[in-house]
């Protein structure tokens, strides 16, 4: 049979018009991270390398390709807030991705409202329907398989407070699709919106260590 796969070794280049990594690992939730610096100035920026990493206590994390304002603020103040990006916030989220000078308030730039956190000094986005206040657990510079230091950094945070729009709760269950979260799909400007029509049910066995069964045994 003829070879039907495009094969490449990243170190030698992918040989395509655009690096496919972001498009292959997709869709991804967006880490819309708000921080404040040591002088009390606010910063807000989206990170597509973001996800949840631990259930109890809840740990979420995001990574950047360089030592940017968000990572520096989180490292120096020990806190940040994650804000859910939904379809109606897409354009304003995009505005906060600009490479602004340090001290520029992206809240003001994008016409967003900062709200003081309950447990952290970093603000949350009032227009966001779900926010998680976090205390920094670790900030780590990334390295390759040979141990060489890279320009990228990973920030992990323990979630210490959560804000959820009550309209997104039904019988005590968070309705993921109802929020219409915006998801990053790679390419230059490709995104997806999670809707109820996109949701599917896949049965899975529940074990004693399954987080979804916690509290029901």
N, C-alpha and C. Protein backbone atom coordinates (compact mmCIF):
# COMPACT_ATOMS: atom_id res chain seq x y z
N UNK A 1 0.84 -1.20 0.00
CA UNK A 1 0.00 0.00 0.00
C UNK A 1 0.88 1.25 0.00
N UNK A 2 0.46 2.28 -0.72
CA UNK A 2 1.25 3.52 -0.71
C UNK A 2 1.18 4.19 0.65
N UNK A 3 2.24 4.90 1.00
CA UNK A 3 2.26 5.63 2.27
C UNK A 3 1.17 6.70 2.28
N UNK A 4 0.29 6.65 3.30
CA UNK A 4 -0.85 7.57 3.33
C UNK A 4 -0.75 8.56 4.49
N UNK A 5 0.40 8.62 5.15
CA UNK A 5 0.59 9.55 6.25
C UNK A 5 1.67 10.58 5.91
N UNK A 6 1.42 11.80 6.34
CA UNK A 6 2.48 12.81 6.26
C UNK A 6 3.31 12.64 7.52
N UNK A 7 4.56 12.30 7.37
CA UNK A 7 5.46 12.07 8.51
C UNK A 7 6.50 13.17 8.58
N UNK A 8 6.76 13.63 9.79
CA UNK A 8 7.84 14.58 9.97
C UNK A 8 8.40 14.48 11.38
N UNK A 9 9.63 14.90 11.55
CA UNK A 9 10.26 15.01 12.85
C UNK A 9 10.34 16.50 13.17
N UNK A 10 9.68 16.96 14.26
CA UNK A 10 9.61 18.39 14.56
C UNK A 10 10.96 19.11 14.52
N UNK A 11 12.02 18.45 14.95
CA UNK A 11 13.33 19.10 14.97
C UNK A 11 13.81 19.46 13.57
N UNK A 12 13.29 18.74 12.56
CA UNK A 12 13.71 18.98 11.18
C UNK A 12 12.70 19.83 10.41
N UNK A 13 11.61 20.21 11.06
CA UNK A 13 10.58 21.01 10.39
C UNK A 13 9.42 20.15 9.95
N UNK A 14 8.24 20.76 9.86
CA UNK A 14 7.04 20.00 9.52
C UNK A 14 6.75 19.96 8.03
N UNK A 15 7.33 20.85 7.25
CA UNK A 15 7.16 20.82 5.80
C UNK A 15 5.78 21.24 5.32
N UNK A 16 5.02 21.89 6.17
CA UNK A 16 3.67 22.33 5.80
C UNK A 16 3.59 23.85 5.81
N UNK A 17 2.50 24.39 5.32
CA UNK A 17 2.33 25.84 5.31
C UNK A 17 2.22 26.40 6.72
N UNK A 18 1.68 25.59 7.66
CA UNK A 18 1.49 26.07 9.03
C UNK A 18 1.70 24.90 9.97
N UNK A 19 2.36 25.13 11.09
CA UNK A 19 2.60 24.09 12.08
C UNK A 19 1.27 23.47 12.52
N UNK A 20 1.08 22.16 12.36
CA UNK A 20 -0.21 21.54 12.64
C UNK A 20 -0.48 21.23 14.11
N UNK A 21 0.50 21.43 14.99
CA UNK A 21 0.36 21.02 16.39
C UNK A 21 -0.91 21.58 17.03
N UNK A 22 -1.12 22.90 16.91
CA UNK A 22 -2.28 23.52 17.55
C UNK A 22 -3.59 23.01 16.99
N UNK A 23 -3.59 22.66 15.69
CA UNK A 23 -4.82 22.19 15.06
C UNK A 23 -5.09 20.72 15.38
N UNK A 24 -4.04 19.95 15.61
CA UNK A 24 -4.21 18.53 15.95
C UNK A 24 -4.73 18.39 17.38
N UNK A 25 -4.12 19.11 18.30
CA UNK A 25 -4.55 19.06 19.70
C UNK A 25 -5.62 20.12 19.88
N UNK A 26 -6.83 19.78 19.45
CA UNK A 26 -7.91 20.75 19.43
C UNK A 26 -9.26 20.04 19.47
N UNK A 27 -10.31 20.72 19.89
CA UNK A 27 -10.28 22.09 20.41
C UNK A 27 -9.77 22.14 21.84
N UNK A 28 -9.30 23.32 22.24
CA UNK A 28 -8.75 23.50 23.57
C UNK A 28 -9.48 24.63 24.29
N UNK A 29 -9.74 24.47 25.58
CA UNK A 29 -10.30 25.58 26.35
C UNK A 29 -9.28 26.70 26.41
N UNK A 30 -9.77 27.91 26.58
CA UNK A 30 -8.90 29.08 26.59
C UNK A 30 -8.64 29.53 28.03
N UNK A 31 -7.38 29.71 28.34
CA UNK A 31 -7.03 30.26 29.65
C UNK A 31 -7.01 31.77 29.57
N UNK A 32 -8.14 32.39 29.88
CA UNK A 32 -8.22 33.87 29.88
C UNK A 32 -7.82 34.31 31.28
N UNK A 33 -6.57 34.67 31.42
CA UNK A 33 -5.95 34.86 32.73
C UNK A 33 -5.85 36.33 33.09
N UNK A 34 -6.41 36.68 34.24
CA UNK A 34 -6.28 38.04 34.76
C UNK A 34 -5.34 38.04 35.95
N UNK A 35 -4.49 39.06 35.99
CA UNK A 35 -3.51 39.21 37.08
C UNK A 35 -3.38 40.70 37.42
N UNK A 36 -2.63 40.96 38.46
CA UNK A 36 -2.20 42.33 38.73
C UNK A 36 -0.72 42.28 39.08
N UNK A 37 -0.01 43.33 38.76
CA UNK A 37 1.41 43.34 39.05
C UNK A 37 1.67 43.85 40.47
N UNK A 38 2.92 43.93 40.84
CA UNK A 38 3.26 44.33 42.20
C UNK A 38 2.92 45.79 42.49
N UNK A 39 2.62 46.56 41.43
CA UNK A 39 2.21 47.94 41.60
C UNK A 39 0.69 48.10 41.57
N UNK A 40 -0.02 46.97 41.47
CA UNK A 40 -1.47 47.00 41.49
C UNK A 40 -2.12 47.20 40.14
N UNK A 41 -1.35 47.20 39.05
CA UNK A 41 -1.89 47.39 37.71
C UNK A 41 -2.43 46.07 37.17
N UNK A 42 -3.57 46.12 36.48
CA UNK A 42 -4.24 44.92 35.99
C UNK A 42 -3.70 44.49 34.63
N UNK A 43 -3.78 43.18 34.39
CA UNK A 43 -3.39 42.61 33.10
C UNK A 43 -4.37 41.48 32.78
N UNK A 44 -4.69 41.32 31.51
CA UNK A 44 -5.60 40.27 31.07
C UNK A 44 -5.14 39.75 29.72
N UNK A 45 -4.96 38.42 29.62
CA UNK A 45 -4.45 37.84 28.37
C UNK A 45 -4.96 36.41 28.20
N UNK A 46 -5.21 35.99 26.94
CA UNK A 46 -5.67 34.62 26.69
C UNK A 46 -4.51 33.67 26.41
N UNK A 47 -4.62 32.46 26.93
CA UNK A 47 -3.63 31.41 26.70
C UNK A 47 -4.35 30.15 26.21
N UNK A 48 -3.99 29.69 25.01
CA UNK A 48 -4.65 28.50 24.48
C UNK A 48 -4.01 27.20 24.97
N UNK A 49 -2.81 27.30 25.54
CA UNK A 49 -2.21 26.13 26.18
C UNK A 49 -2.65 26.16 27.64
N UNK A 50 -3.82 25.61 27.89
CA UNK A 50 -4.46 25.70 29.20
C UNK A 50 -5.29 24.45 29.43
N UNK A 51 -5.37 24.01 30.71
CA UNK A 51 -6.26 22.90 31.04
C UNK A 51 -6.29 22.68 32.55
N UNK A 52 -7.11 21.68 32.95
CA UNK A 52 -7.17 21.25 34.35
C UNK A 52 -6.25 20.05 34.53
N UNK A 53 -5.61 19.95 35.70
CA UNK A 53 -4.61 18.90 35.90
C UNK A 53 -4.80 18.08 37.17
N UNK A 54 -5.65 18.54 38.07
CA UNK A 54 -5.88 17.78 39.30
C UNK A 54 -7.27 18.09 39.81
N UNK A 55 -7.90 17.05 40.43
CA UNK A 55 -9.29 17.19 40.84
C UNK A 55 -9.46 17.75 42.24
N UNK A 56 -8.78 17.11 43.23
CA UNK A 56 -8.90 17.55 44.62
C UNK A 56 -7.52 17.60 45.27
N UNK A 57 -7.00 18.78 45.59
CA UNK A 57 -7.60 20.08 45.31
C UNK A 57 -7.54 20.38 43.82
N UNK A 58 -8.44 21.23 43.33
CA UNK A 58 -8.42 21.53 41.90
C UNK A 58 -7.18 22.33 41.50
N UNK A 59 -6.47 21.82 40.50
CA UNK A 59 -5.28 22.49 39.98
C UNK A 59 -5.49 22.74 38.49
N UNK A 60 -5.34 23.99 38.07
CA UNK A 60 -5.38 24.31 36.65
C UNK A 60 -4.05 24.95 36.28
N UNK A 61 -3.76 24.97 34.98
CA UNK A 61 -2.48 25.52 34.58
C UNK A 61 -2.49 26.07 33.17
N UNK A 62 -1.56 26.96 32.90
CA UNK A 62 -1.41 27.51 31.55
C UNK A 62 0.06 27.69 31.26
N UNK A 63 0.39 27.70 29.97
CA UNK A 63 1.78 27.83 29.56
C UNK A 63 1.92 28.93 28.53
N UNK A 64 3.04 29.63 28.59
CA UNK A 64 3.36 30.66 27.62
C UNK A 64 4.69 30.37 26.96
N UNK A 65 4.88 30.91 25.77
CA UNK A 65 6.12 30.65 25.03
C UNK A 65 7.28 31.51 25.49
N UNK A 66 7.00 32.48 26.38
CA UNK A 66 8.07 33.34 26.89
C UNK A 66 7.64 33.92 28.24
N UNK A 67 8.56 34.64 28.88
CA UNK A 67 8.30 35.25 30.19
C UNK A 67 7.49 36.53 29.97
N UNK A 68 6.18 36.37 29.77
CA UNK A 68 5.32 37.51 29.47
C UNK A 68 4.75 38.11 30.76
N UNK A 69 4.01 39.22 30.60
CA UNK A 69 3.50 39.95 31.75
C UNK A 69 2.65 39.07 32.66
N UNK A 70 1.78 38.25 32.07
CA UNK A 70 0.89 37.41 32.87
C UNK A 70 1.69 36.47 33.76
N UNK A 71 2.67 35.80 33.17
CA UNK A 71 3.46 34.83 33.94
C UNK A 71 4.29 35.55 34.99
N UNK A 72 4.86 36.67 34.63
CA UNK A 72 5.63 37.44 35.61
C UNK A 72 4.75 37.89 36.77
N UNK A 73 3.56 38.40 36.46
CA UNK A 73 2.66 38.85 37.53
C UNK A 73 2.26 37.70 38.44
N UNK A 74 1.93 36.56 37.84
CA UNK A 74 1.54 35.40 38.64
C UNK A 74 2.68 34.95 39.54
N UNK A 75 3.89 34.94 38.99
CA UNK A 75 5.05 34.50 39.77
C UNK A 75 5.35 35.46 40.91
N UNK A 76 5.23 36.77 40.66
CA UNK A 76 5.60 37.76 41.67
C UNK A 76 4.53 37.97 42.73
N UNK A 77 3.25 37.81 42.36
CA UNK A 77 2.18 38.04 43.33
C UNK A 77 1.61 36.75 43.90
N UNK A 78 1.87 35.62 43.21
CA UNK A 78 1.39 34.33 43.71
C UNK A 78 -0.09 34.08 43.49
N UNK A 79 -0.70 34.74 42.48
CA UNK A 79 -2.13 34.55 42.26
C UNK A 79 -2.53 34.95 40.84
N UNK A 80 -3.66 34.41 40.40
CA UNK A 80 -4.25 34.78 39.12
C UNK A 80 -5.71 34.31 39.13
N UNK A 81 -6.47 34.76 38.14
CA UNK A 81 -7.86 34.34 37.99
C UNK A 81 -8.06 33.83 36.57
N UNK A 82 -8.73 32.68 36.44
CA UNK A 82 -9.13 32.19 35.13
C UNK A 82 -10.57 32.61 34.87
N UNK A 83 -10.83 33.11 33.65
CA UNK A 83 -12.15 33.60 33.27
C UNK A 83 -12.63 32.86 32.03
N UNK A 84 -13.83 32.31 32.08
CA UNK A 84 -14.39 31.57 30.95
C UNK A 84 -14.65 32.50 29.77
N UNK A 85 -14.19 32.09 28.59
CA UNK A 85 -14.47 32.83 27.37
C UNK A 85 -15.65 32.17 26.66
N UNK A 86 -16.72 32.91 26.49
CA UNK A 86 -17.90 32.40 25.80
C UNK A 86 -18.04 33.11 24.45
N UNK A 87 -18.97 32.61 23.63
CA UNK A 87 -19.09 33.12 22.27
C UNK A 87 -19.25 34.63 22.20
N UNK A 88 -20.05 35.19 23.10
CA UNK A 88 -20.30 36.62 23.04
C UNK A 88 -19.10 37.46 23.45
N UNK A 89 -18.10 36.82 24.07
CA UNK A 89 -16.90 37.54 24.49
C UNK A 89 -15.73 37.35 23.54
N UNK A 90 -15.97 36.69 22.40
CA UNK A 90 -14.89 36.33 21.48
C UNK A 90 -14.07 37.53 21.02
N UNK A 91 -14.73 38.57 20.54
CA UNK A 91 -14.00 39.71 20.00
C UNK A 91 -13.22 40.44 21.09
N UNK A 92 -13.79 40.54 22.28
CA UNK A 92 -13.09 41.23 23.36
C UNK A 92 -11.92 40.40 23.89
N UNK A 93 -12.09 39.08 23.88
CA UNK A 93 -10.96 38.22 24.24
C UNK A 93 -9.82 38.42 23.27
N UNK A 94 -10.16 38.49 21.97
CA UNK A 94 -9.14 38.67 20.94
C UNK A 94 -8.39 39.98 21.14
N UNK A 95 -9.10 41.02 21.57
CA UNK A 95 -8.46 42.32 21.79
C UNK A 95 -7.41 42.25 22.89
N UNK A 96 -7.62 41.36 23.86
CA UNK A 96 -6.67 41.26 24.97
C UNK A 96 -5.43 40.44 24.61
N UNK A 97 -5.40 39.89 23.40
CA UNK A 97 -4.24 39.10 22.99
C UNK A 97 -3.13 39.96 22.39
N UNK A 98 -3.40 41.25 22.26
CA UNK A 98 -2.41 42.15 21.68
C UNK A 98 -1.17 42.26 22.56
N UNK A 99 -0.02 42.48 21.93
CA UNK A 99 1.23 42.64 22.66
C UNK A 99 1.33 44.07 23.18
N UNK A 100 0.64 44.35 24.26
CA UNK A 100 0.62 45.70 24.82
C UNK A 100 1.81 45.94 25.72
N UNK A 101 2.18 47.20 25.86
CA UNK A 101 3.27 47.58 26.76
C UNK A 101 2.89 47.26 28.20
N UNK A 102 3.88 46.98 29.02
CA UNK A 102 3.63 46.70 30.43
C UNK A 102 2.93 47.90 31.08
N UNK A 103 1.89 47.62 31.84
CA UNK A 103 1.14 48.68 32.50
C UNK A 103 -0.13 49.05 31.76
N UNK A 104 -0.25 48.62 30.49
CA UNK A 104 -1.49 48.88 29.75
C UNK A 104 -2.60 47.99 30.31
N UNK A 105 -3.75 48.56 30.61
CA UNK A 105 -4.86 47.83 31.21
C UNK A 105 -5.73 47.23 30.10
N UNK A 106 -5.63 45.91 29.90
CA UNK A 106 -6.42 45.25 28.86
C UNK A 106 -7.91 45.24 29.17
N UNK A 107 -8.26 45.36 30.45
CA UNK A 107 -9.68 45.48 30.80
C UNK A 107 -10.25 46.72 30.12
N UNK A 108 -9.56 47.83 30.27
CA UNK A 108 -9.99 49.09 29.67
C UNK A 108 -9.93 49.01 28.15
N UNK A 109 -8.87 48.40 27.64
CA UNK A 109 -8.68 48.27 26.21
C UNK A 109 -9.83 47.53 25.53
N UNK A 110 -10.34 46.49 26.20
CA UNK A 110 -11.39 45.66 25.62
C UNK A 110 -12.79 46.00 26.14
N UNK A 111 -12.89 47.05 26.94
CA UNK A 111 -14.20 47.45 27.46
C UNK A 111 -14.78 46.44 28.44
N UNK A 112 -13.93 45.88 29.29
CA UNK A 112 -14.35 44.88 30.27
C UNK A 112 -14.31 45.47 31.68
N UNK A 113 -15.02 44.81 32.59
CA UNK A 113 -15.14 45.31 33.95
C UNK A 113 -14.37 44.45 34.93
N UNK A 114 -13.35 44.99 35.60
CA UNK A 114 -12.66 44.21 36.62
C UNK A 114 -13.44 44.21 37.93
N UNK A 115 -13.50 43.04 38.56
CA UNK A 115 -14.18 42.89 39.85
C UNK A 115 -13.19 42.29 40.83
N UNK A 116 -13.11 42.84 42.02
CA UNK A 116 -12.17 42.35 43.03
C UNK A 116 -12.45 40.90 43.37
N UNK A 117 -11.41 40.12 43.52
CA UNK A 117 -11.57 38.73 43.91
C UNK A 117 -11.95 38.61 45.38
N UNK A 118 -12.48 37.45 45.74
CA UNK A 118 -12.83 37.18 47.15
C UNK A 118 -11.63 36.69 47.93
N UNK A 119 -10.78 35.89 47.29
CA UNK A 119 -9.65 35.25 47.97
C UNK A 119 -8.29 35.68 47.45
N UNK A 120 -8.28 36.39 46.30
CA UNK A 120 -7.01 36.84 45.73
C UNK A 120 -7.13 38.31 45.37
N UNK A 121 -5.99 38.96 45.20
CA UNK A 121 -5.98 40.37 44.84
C UNK A 121 -6.17 40.61 43.37
N UNK A 122 -5.96 39.58 42.55
CA UNK A 122 -6.17 39.72 41.11
C UNK A 122 -7.66 39.86 40.82
N UNK A 123 -8.03 40.66 39.82
CA UNK A 123 -9.44 40.87 39.51
C UNK A 123 -9.98 39.76 38.61
N UNK A 124 -11.28 39.58 38.63
CA UNK A 124 -11.93 38.71 37.66
C UNK A 124 -12.68 39.57 36.65
N UNK A 125 -13.09 38.95 35.54
CA UNK A 125 -13.83 39.65 34.49
C UNK A 125 -15.32 39.55 34.80
N UNK A 126 -15.96 40.69 35.06
CA UNK A 126 -17.37 40.68 35.44
C UNK A 126 -18.25 40.09 34.36
N UNK A 127 -17.87 40.27 33.09
CA UNK A 127 -18.68 39.79 31.98
C UNK A 127 -18.54 38.29 31.75
N UNK A 128 -17.56 37.66 32.38
CA UNK A 128 -17.38 36.23 32.24
C UNK A 128 -18.34 35.47 33.15
N UNK A 129 -18.94 34.39 32.65
CA UNK A 129 -19.99 33.69 33.39
C UNK A 129 -19.43 32.67 34.39
N UNK A 130 -18.16 32.36 34.29
CA UNK A 130 -17.50 31.48 35.26
C UNK A 130 -16.08 31.99 35.47
N UNK A 131 -15.67 32.10 36.72
CA UNK A 131 -14.31 32.54 37.04
C UNK A 131 -13.77 31.68 38.18
N UNK A 132 -12.47 31.43 38.13
CA UNK A 132 -11.80 30.67 39.18
C UNK A 132 -10.62 31.47 39.72
N UNK A 133 -10.68 31.78 41.00
CA UNK A 133 -9.57 32.47 41.65
C UNK A 133 -8.52 31.44 42.06
N UNK A 134 -7.26 31.73 41.78
CA UNK A 134 -6.21 30.75 42.00
C UNK A 134 -5.01 31.31 42.76
N UNK A 135 -4.46 30.45 43.60
CA UNK A 135 -3.17 30.72 44.24
C UNK A 135 -2.12 29.91 43.49
N UNK A 136 -1.02 30.54 43.15
CA UNK A 136 0.01 29.87 42.36
C UNK A 136 0.63 28.72 43.15
N UNK A 137 0.65 27.54 42.53
CA UNK A 137 1.26 26.36 43.15
C UNK A 137 2.71 26.21 42.70
N UNK A 138 2.96 26.50 41.42
CA UNK A 138 4.33 26.43 40.92
C UNK A 138 4.45 27.17 39.59
N UNK A 139 5.65 27.67 39.35
CA UNK A 139 5.99 28.30 38.07
C UNK A 139 7.27 27.62 37.60
N UNK A 140 7.20 26.98 36.44
CA UNK A 140 8.31 26.15 35.99
C UNK A 140 8.75 26.52 34.58
N UNK A 141 10.04 26.71 34.39
CA UNK A 141 10.55 26.91 33.05
C UNK A 141 10.62 25.55 32.36
N UNK A 142 10.16 25.48 31.12
CA UNK A 142 10.13 24.22 30.39
C UNK A 142 11.51 23.87 29.85
N UNK A 143 11.74 22.58 29.69
CA UNK A 143 12.98 22.13 29.06
C UNK A 143 12.67 21.00 28.08
N UNK A 144 13.58 20.72 27.17
CA UNK A 144 13.36 19.66 26.19
C UNK A 144 13.81 18.32 26.77
N UNK A 145 13.75 17.29 25.93
CA UNK A 145 14.07 15.93 26.39
C UNK A 145 15.52 15.77 26.81
N UNK A 146 16.38 16.68 26.34
CA UNK A 146 17.80 16.63 26.71
C UNK A 146 18.10 17.47 27.94
N UNK A 147 17.08 18.13 28.47
CA UNK A 147 17.28 18.95 29.66
C UNK A 147 17.64 20.39 29.37
N UNK A 148 17.62 20.78 28.09
CA UNK A 148 17.94 22.15 27.73
C UNK A 148 16.78 23.08 28.07
N UNK A 149 17.07 24.21 28.69
CA UNK A 149 16.04 25.18 29.05
C UNK A 149 15.44 25.81 27.80
N UNK A 150 14.11 25.94 27.80
CA UNK A 150 13.40 26.56 26.70
C UNK A 150 12.88 27.92 27.13
N UNK A 151 12.32 28.66 26.19
CA UNK A 151 11.79 29.98 26.51
C UNK A 151 10.43 29.94 27.18
N UNK A 152 9.76 28.78 27.11
CA UNK A 152 8.41 28.65 27.64
C UNK A 152 8.35 28.43 29.15
N UNK A 153 7.22 28.82 29.73
CA UNK A 153 7.00 28.68 31.17
C UNK A 153 5.61 28.10 31.43
N UNK A 154 5.50 27.29 32.48
CA UNK A 154 4.23 26.68 32.88
C UNK A 154 3.86 27.19 34.27
N UNK A 155 2.61 27.62 34.42
CA UNK A 155 2.11 28.10 35.71
C UNK A 155 0.96 27.20 36.15
N UNK A 156 1.09 26.64 37.34
CA UNK A 156 0.01 25.85 37.94
C UNK A 156 -0.58 26.64 39.11
N UNK A 157 -1.89 26.59 39.23
CA UNK A 157 -2.54 27.28 40.33
C UNK A 157 -3.61 26.44 40.99
N UNK A 158 -3.70 26.54 42.32
CA UNK A 158 -4.77 25.86 43.04
C UNK A 158 -5.99 26.78 43.06
N UNK A 159 -7.13 26.23 42.65
CA UNK A 159 -8.37 27.00 42.65
C UNK A 159 -8.86 27.15 44.09
N UNK A 160 -9.00 28.38 44.55
CA UNK A 160 -9.42 28.63 45.93
C UNK A 160 -10.81 29.26 46.02
N UNK A 161 -11.35 29.68 44.88
CA UNK A 161 -12.70 30.25 44.86
C UNK A 161 -13.25 30.16 43.45
N UNK A 162 -14.54 29.87 43.33
CA UNK A 162 -15.18 29.71 42.03
C UNK A 162 -16.45 30.56 41.97
N UNK A 163 -16.65 31.25 40.86
CA UNK A 163 -17.85 32.05 40.63
C UNK A 163 -18.57 31.46 39.41
N UNK A 164 -19.84 31.04 39.55
CA UNK A 164 -20.61 30.46 38.45
C UNK A 164 -21.94 31.19 38.32
N UNK A 165 -22.26 31.63 37.11
CA UNK A 165 -23.57 32.20 36.83
C UNK A 165 -24.62 31.13 37.13
N UNK A 166 -25.54 31.43 38.03
CA UNK A 166 -26.52 30.43 38.45
C UNK A 166 -27.40 29.94 37.30
N UNK A 167 -27.51 30.72 36.23
CA UNK A 167 -28.29 30.29 35.07
C UNK A 167 -27.66 29.09 34.37
N UNK A 168 -26.39 28.82 34.68
CA UNK A 168 -25.70 27.68 34.06
C UNK A 168 -25.80 26.42 34.89
N UNK A 169 -26.53 26.48 36.01
CA UNK A 169 -26.70 25.31 36.88
C UNK A 169 -28.13 24.78 36.77
N UNK A 170 -28.25 23.48 36.59
CA UNK A 170 -29.56 22.83 36.51
C UNK A 170 -29.54 21.59 37.39
N UNK A 171 -30.39 21.59 38.43
CA UNK A 171 -30.43 20.47 39.39
C UNK A 171 -29.05 20.19 39.96
N UNK A 172 -28.29 21.25 40.20
CA UNK A 172 -26.97 21.10 40.81
C UNK A 172 -25.89 20.64 39.86
N UNK A 173 -26.16 20.63 38.56
CA UNK A 173 -25.18 20.18 37.57
C UNK A 173 -24.86 21.33 36.62
N UNK A 174 -23.58 21.61 36.46
CA UNK A 174 -23.15 22.67 35.55
C UNK A 174 -23.42 22.25 34.11
N UNK A 175 -24.06 23.12 33.36
CA UNK A 175 -24.41 22.84 31.97
C UNK A 175 -23.35 23.44 31.04
N UNK A 176 -22.40 22.61 30.67
CA UNK A 176 -21.25 23.07 29.89
C UNK A 176 -21.66 23.77 28.60
N UNK A 177 -22.50 23.13 27.80
CA UNK A 177 -22.86 23.67 26.49
C UNK A 177 -23.72 24.91 26.59
N UNK A 178 -24.47 25.05 27.67
CA UNK A 178 -25.36 26.20 27.82
C UNK A 178 -24.58 27.51 27.84
N UNK A 179 -23.35 27.45 28.32
CA UNK A 179 -22.50 28.65 28.37
C UNK A 179 -21.95 29.03 27.00
N UNK A 180 -21.98 28.09 26.05
CA UNK A 180 -21.42 28.28 24.72
C UNK A 180 -19.95 28.73 24.80
N UNK A 181 -19.11 27.89 25.44
CA UNK A 181 -17.70 28.26 25.57
C UNK A 181 -16.99 28.28 24.22
N UNK A 182 -16.07 29.23 24.10
CA UNK A 182 -15.26 29.36 22.89
C UNK A 182 -14.01 28.51 23.06
N UNK A 183 -13.66 27.75 22.02
CA UNK A 183 -12.55 26.82 22.08
C UNK A 183 -11.56 27.10 20.95
N UNK A 184 -10.30 26.99 21.25
CA UNK A 184 -9.25 27.25 20.25
C UNK A 184 -9.03 26.01 19.41
N UNK A 185 -8.96 26.20 18.09
CA UNK A 185 -8.82 25.07 17.16
C UNK A 185 -7.57 25.12 16.30
N UNK A 186 -6.62 25.99 16.60
CA UNK A 186 -5.41 26.04 15.82
C UNK A 186 -5.54 26.96 14.62
N UNK A 187 -4.59 26.83 13.67
CA UNK A 187 -4.60 27.74 12.54
C UNK A 187 -4.32 29.15 13.00
N UNK A 188 -4.61 30.11 12.16
CA UNK A 188 -4.36 31.50 12.51
C UNK A 188 -5.49 32.10 13.32
N UNK A 189 -6.73 31.73 12.98
CA UNK A 189 -7.88 32.33 13.67
C UNK A 189 -9.06 31.37 13.76
N UNK A 190 -8.78 30.09 13.94
CA UNK A 190 -9.84 29.08 13.99
C UNK A 190 -10.29 28.81 15.43
N UNK A 191 -11.60 28.92 15.63
CA UNK A 191 -12.20 28.64 16.93
C UNK A 191 -13.46 27.80 16.72
N UNK A 192 -13.96 27.23 17.80
CA UNK A 192 -15.22 26.50 17.77
C UNK A 192 -16.05 26.93 18.98
N UNK A 193 -17.34 26.78 18.86
CA UNK A 193 -18.25 27.06 19.96
C UNK A 193 -18.94 25.75 20.34
N UNK A 194 -18.85 25.39 21.61
CA UNK A 194 -19.50 24.18 22.08
C UNK A 194 -20.98 24.47 22.31
N UNK A 195 -21.83 23.72 21.59
CA UNK A 195 -23.28 23.86 21.73
C UNK A 195 -23.87 22.52 22.14
N UNK A 196 -25.14 22.53 22.53
CA UNK A 196 -25.80 21.30 22.93
C UNK A 196 -25.84 20.29 21.79
N UNK A 197 -25.93 20.79 20.55
CA UNK A 197 -25.97 19.89 19.39
C UNK A 197 -24.65 19.14 19.22
N UNK A 198 -23.58 19.69 19.74
CA UNK A 198 -22.26 19.06 19.62
C UNK A 198 -22.02 18.00 20.70
N UNK A 199 -22.83 18.02 21.75
CA UNK A 199 -22.60 17.12 22.88
C UNK A 199 -23.04 15.70 22.55
N UNK A 200 -22.27 14.72 22.99
CA UNK A 200 -22.62 13.30 22.84
C UNK A 200 -22.44 12.62 24.18
N UNK A 201 -23.20 11.56 24.39
CA UNK A 201 -23.09 10.76 25.61
C UNK A 201 -22.29 9.50 25.31
N UNK A 202 -21.27 9.25 26.11
CA UNK A 202 -20.45 8.05 25.98
C UNK A 202 -20.40 7.39 27.35
N UNK A 203 -21.01 6.23 27.47
CA UNK A 203 -21.05 5.53 28.75
C UNK A 203 -19.66 5.05 29.12
N UNK A 204 -19.33 5.14 30.40
CA UNK A 204 -18.04 4.65 30.85
C UNK A 204 -18.22 4.00 32.21
N UNK A 205 -17.41 2.98 32.50
CA UNK A 205 -17.54 2.31 33.80
C UNK A 205 -17.07 3.22 34.92
N UNK A 206 -17.79 3.21 36.01
CA UNK A 206 -17.44 4.03 37.17
C UNK A 206 -16.69 3.17 38.17
N UNK A 207 -15.48 3.59 38.50
CA UNK A 207 -14.68 2.86 39.48
C UNK A 207 -14.59 3.62 40.77
N UNK A 208 -14.03 3.01 41.80
CA UNK A 208 -13.93 3.66 43.11
C UNK A 208 -13.05 4.89 43.11
N UNK A 209 -12.17 5.02 42.10
CA UNK A 209 -11.28 6.17 42.06
C UNK A 209 -11.72 7.18 41.00
N UNK A 210 -12.88 6.97 40.42
CA UNK A 210 -13.39 7.89 39.40
C UNK A 210 -13.88 9.15 40.08
N UNK A 211 -13.33 10.34 39.75
CA UNK A 211 -13.78 11.57 40.41
C UNK A 211 -15.27 11.82 40.27
N UNK A 212 -15.87 11.35 39.16
CA UNK A 212 -17.28 11.59 38.94
C UNK A 212 -18.17 10.83 39.91
N UNK A 213 -17.62 9.83 40.61
CA UNK A 213 -18.40 9.06 41.57
C UNK A 213 -18.16 9.54 43.00
N UNK A 214 -17.28 10.55 43.14
CA UNK A 214 -16.92 11.04 44.47
C UNK A 214 -18.16 11.53 45.22
N UNK A 215 -18.35 11.05 46.43
CA UNK A 215 -19.48 11.48 47.24
C UNK A 215 -20.73 10.66 47.03
N UNK A 216 -20.67 9.68 46.08
CA UNK A 216 -21.86 8.87 45.85
C UNK A 216 -21.65 7.43 46.27
N UNK A 217 -20.56 7.15 46.98
CA UNK A 217 -20.28 5.78 47.43
C UNK A 217 -20.18 5.75 48.94
